[in-house]
Amino acid sequence: MAYKIIAKKCTGCGACEFECPNKAIKESGAVFIIDETKCTECAGFFDTPQCAAACPVPKTCVQAF
């Protein structure tokens, strides 16, 4: 499963982009998006998804269903 960024909550700060070990996060207009084909929820790198940990806005980076 992958994570996604809720666009309406994203402030465009970019804190998540540099924390992603898979380089799955890119800027798209004024917000950031996660490429679900590259996102591994940081498995093999960290115990928790780093996008969610780095984001200053709660529940912006969430697990996609």
N, C-alpha and C. Protein backbone atom coordinates (compact mmCIF):
# COMPACT_ATOMS: atom_id res chain seq x y z
N MET A 1 0.86 -1.18 0.00
CA MET A 1 0.00 0.00 0.00
C MET A 1 0.90 1.23 0.00
N ALA A 2 0.41 2.32 -0.49
CA ALA A 2 1.17 3.57 -0.59
C ALA A 2 0.50 4.67 0.23
N TYR A 3 1.21 5.76 0.38
CA TYR A 3 0.66 6.94 1.02
C TYR A 3 0.25 7.93 -0.05
N LYS A 4 -0.61 8.86 0.32
CA LYS A 4 -1.01 9.93 -0.58
C LYS A 4 -1.05 11.22 0.22
N ILE A 5 -1.01 12.34 -0.48
CA ILE A 5 -1.08 13.66 0.14
C ILE A 5 -2.46 14.25 -0.17
N ILE A 6 -3.16 14.67 0.85
CA ILE A 6 -4.46 15.32 0.68
C ILE A 6 -4.18 16.75 0.18
N ALA A 7 -4.46 16.98 -1.09
CA ALA A 7 -4.11 18.25 -1.74
C ALA A 7 -4.69 19.47 -1.04
N LYS A 8 -5.92 19.38 -0.58
CA LYS A 8 -6.54 20.56 0.04
C LYS A 8 -5.91 20.91 1.38
N LYS A 9 -5.17 19.97 1.99
CA LYS A 9 -4.49 20.23 3.26
C LYS A 9 -3.03 20.64 3.06
N CYS A 10 -2.46 20.29 1.91
CA CYS A 10 -1.05 20.54 1.64
C CYS A 10 -0.78 22.04 1.51
N THR A 11 0.21 22.52 2.28
CA THR A 11 0.57 23.93 2.23
C THR A 11 1.68 24.21 1.23
N GLY A 12 2.24 23.15 0.63
CA GLY A 12 3.30 23.32 -0.34
C GLY A 12 4.66 23.63 0.28
N CYS A 13 4.82 23.31 1.55
CA CYS A 13 6.08 23.64 2.24
C CYS A 13 7.26 22.80 1.78
N GLY A 14 7.01 21.58 1.29
CA GLY A 14 8.06 20.72 0.79
C GLY A 14 8.80 19.91 1.83
N ALA A 15 8.38 19.95 3.07
CA ALA A 15 9.06 19.21 4.14
C ALA A 15 9.12 17.72 3.85
N CYS A 16 8.10 17.19 3.22
CA CYS A 16 8.02 15.76 2.95
C CYS A 16 8.94 15.31 1.82
N GLU A 17 9.14 16.15 0.84
CA GLU A 17 9.88 15.75 -0.37
C GLU A 17 11.27 15.21 -0.07
N PHE A 18 12.01 15.87 0.76
CA PHE A 18 13.39 15.48 1.03
C PHE A 18 13.51 14.33 2.02
N GLU A 19 12.42 14.00 2.69
CA GLU A 19 12.44 12.90 3.65
C GLU A 19 12.15 11.54 3.01
N CYS A 20 11.63 11.54 1.80
CA CYS A 20 11.24 10.30 1.13
C CYS A 20 12.48 9.56 0.60
N PRO A 21 12.75 8.36 1.13
CA PRO A 21 13.92 7.62 0.66
C PRO A 21 13.78 7.06 -0.76
N ASN A 22 12.55 7.02 -1.26
CA ASN A 22 12.29 6.49 -2.60
C ASN A 22 12.12 7.57 -3.66
N LYS A 23 12.25 8.82 -3.24
CA LYS A 23 12.06 9.95 -4.15
C LYS A 23 10.71 9.86 -4.87
N ALA A 24 9.68 9.50 -4.10
CA ALA A 24 8.33 9.33 -4.65
C ALA A 24 7.51 10.61 -4.57
N ILE A 25 8.03 11.67 -3.94
CA ILE A 25 7.27 12.89 -3.74
C ILE A 25 7.81 13.99 -4.64
N LYS A 26 6.90 14.61 -5.37
CA LYS A 26 7.26 15.69 -6.29
C LYS A 26 6.25 16.83 -6.18
N GLU A 27 6.71 18.02 -6.53
CA GLU A 27 5.82 19.19 -6.55
C GLU A 27 4.95 19.13 -7.79
N SER A 28 3.70 19.48 -7.61
CA SER A 28 2.74 19.54 -8.71
C SER A 28 1.91 20.80 -8.52
N GLY A 29 2.30 21.84 -9.20
CA GLY A 29 1.64 23.13 -9.00
C GLY A 29 2.05 23.70 -7.66
N ALA A 30 1.09 24.01 -6.82
CA ALA A 30 1.37 24.61 -5.51
C ALA A 30 1.39 23.58 -4.38
N VAL A 31 1.19 22.30 -4.72
CA VAL A 31 1.16 21.25 -3.70
C VAL A 31 2.11 20.11 -4.11
N PHE A 32 2.24 19.12 -3.24
CA PHE A 32 3.07 17.97 -3.52
C PHE A 32 2.21 16.73 -3.68
N ILE A 33 2.71 15.80 -4.49
CA ILE A 33 2.00 14.54 -4.73
C ILE A 33 2.96 13.37 -4.52
N ILE A 34 2.42 12.21 -4.22
CA ILE A 34 3.21 11.00 -4.03
C ILE A 34 2.91 10.05 -5.19
N ASP A 35 3.97 9.60 -5.85
CA ASP A 35 3.85 8.60 -6.90
C ASP A 35 3.62 7.26 -6.22
N GLU A 36 2.42 6.74 -6.31
CA GLU A 36 2.06 5.50 -5.61
C GLU A 36 2.85 4.29 -6.09
N THR A 37 3.41 4.37 -7.29
CA THR A 37 4.20 3.25 -7.79
C THR A 37 5.59 3.21 -7.16
N LYS A 38 6.03 4.32 -6.58
CA LYS A 38 7.35 4.39 -5.94
C LYS A 38 7.27 4.32 -4.41
N CYS A 39 6.12 4.62 -3.85
CA CYS A 39 5.96 4.67 -2.39
C CYS A 39 5.91 3.27 -1.80
N THR A 40 6.77 3.04 -0.81
CA THR A 40 6.79 1.76 -0.09
C THR A 40 6.47 1.95 1.39
N GLU A 41 5.96 3.12 1.75
CA GLU A 41 5.69 3.49 3.14
C GLU A 41 6.98 3.42 3.96
N CYS A 42 8.10 3.65 3.29
CA CYS A 42 9.44 3.67 3.90
C CYS A 42 9.90 2.31 4.40
N ALA A 43 9.23 1.24 3.97
CA ALA A 43 9.63 -0.12 4.36
C ALA A 43 11.08 -0.36 3.94
N GLY A 44 11.84 -0.91 4.85
CA GLY A 44 13.24 -1.17 4.60
C GLY A 44 14.16 -0.01 4.91
N PHE A 45 13.58 1.15 5.20
CA PHE A 45 14.35 2.34 5.53
C PHE A 45 14.05 2.84 6.94
N PHE A 46 12.75 2.98 7.24
CA PHE A 46 12.30 3.54 8.51
C PHE A 46 11.11 2.73 9.04
N ASP A 47 10.85 2.87 10.34
CA ASP A 47 9.72 2.17 10.95
C ASP A 47 8.39 2.84 10.65
N THR A 48 8.41 4.13 10.35
CA THR A 48 7.19 4.89 10.05
C THR A 48 7.39 5.70 8.78
N PRO A 49 6.32 5.97 8.04
CA PRO A 49 6.42 6.79 6.83
C PRO A 49 6.94 8.19 7.16
N GLN A 50 8.01 8.57 6.53
CA GLN A 50 8.65 9.83 6.84
C GLN A 50 7.90 11.05 6.32
N CYS A 51 7.09 10.89 5.29
CA CYS A 51 6.30 12.03 4.80
C CYS A 51 5.33 12.49 5.88
N ALA A 52 4.66 11.52 6.51
CA ALA A 52 3.71 11.84 7.57
C ALA A 52 4.42 12.41 8.79
N ALA A 53 5.59 11.88 9.10
CA ALA A 53 6.35 12.36 10.26
C ALA A 53 6.87 13.79 10.04
N ALA A 54 7.23 14.13 8.81
CA ALA A 54 7.81 15.45 8.53
C ALA A 54 6.76 16.54 8.29
N CYS A 55 5.57 16.15 7.89
CA CYS A 55 4.54 17.13 7.53
C CYS A 55 4.06 17.90 8.76
N PRO A 56 4.07 19.24 8.68
CA PRO A 56 3.61 20.04 9.81
C PRO A 56 2.08 20.11 9.97
N VAL A 57 1.35 19.64 8.96
CA VAL A 57 -0.11 19.67 9.01
C VAL A 57 -0.62 18.25 9.26
N PRO A 58 -1.23 18.01 10.42
CA PRO A 58 -1.69 16.65 10.74
C PRO A 58 -2.64 16.07 9.69
N LYS A 59 -2.48 14.77 9.46
CA LYS A 59 -3.34 14.00 8.55
C LYS A 59 -3.36 14.53 7.12
N THR A 60 -2.21 15.03 6.67
CA THR A 60 -2.09 15.45 5.27
C THR A 60 -1.51 14.31 4.44
N CYS A 61 -0.51 13.63 4.97
CA CYS A 61 0.06 12.44 4.34
C CYS A 61 -0.61 11.24 4.99
N VAL A 62 -1.43 10.55 4.23
CA VAL A 62 -2.21 9.45 4.78
C VAL A 62 -2.09 8.21 3.91
N GLN A 63 -2.41 7.07 4.48
CA GLN A 63 -2.36 5.82 3.73
C GLN A 63 -3.49 5.80 2.70
N ALA A 64 -3.12 5.48 1.47
CA ALA A 64 -4.11 5.37 0.39
C ALA A 64 -4.84 4.04 0.55
N PHE A 65 -6.10 4.02 0.24
CA PHE A 65 -6.88 2.79 0.38
C PHE A 65 -7.21 2.20 -0.95
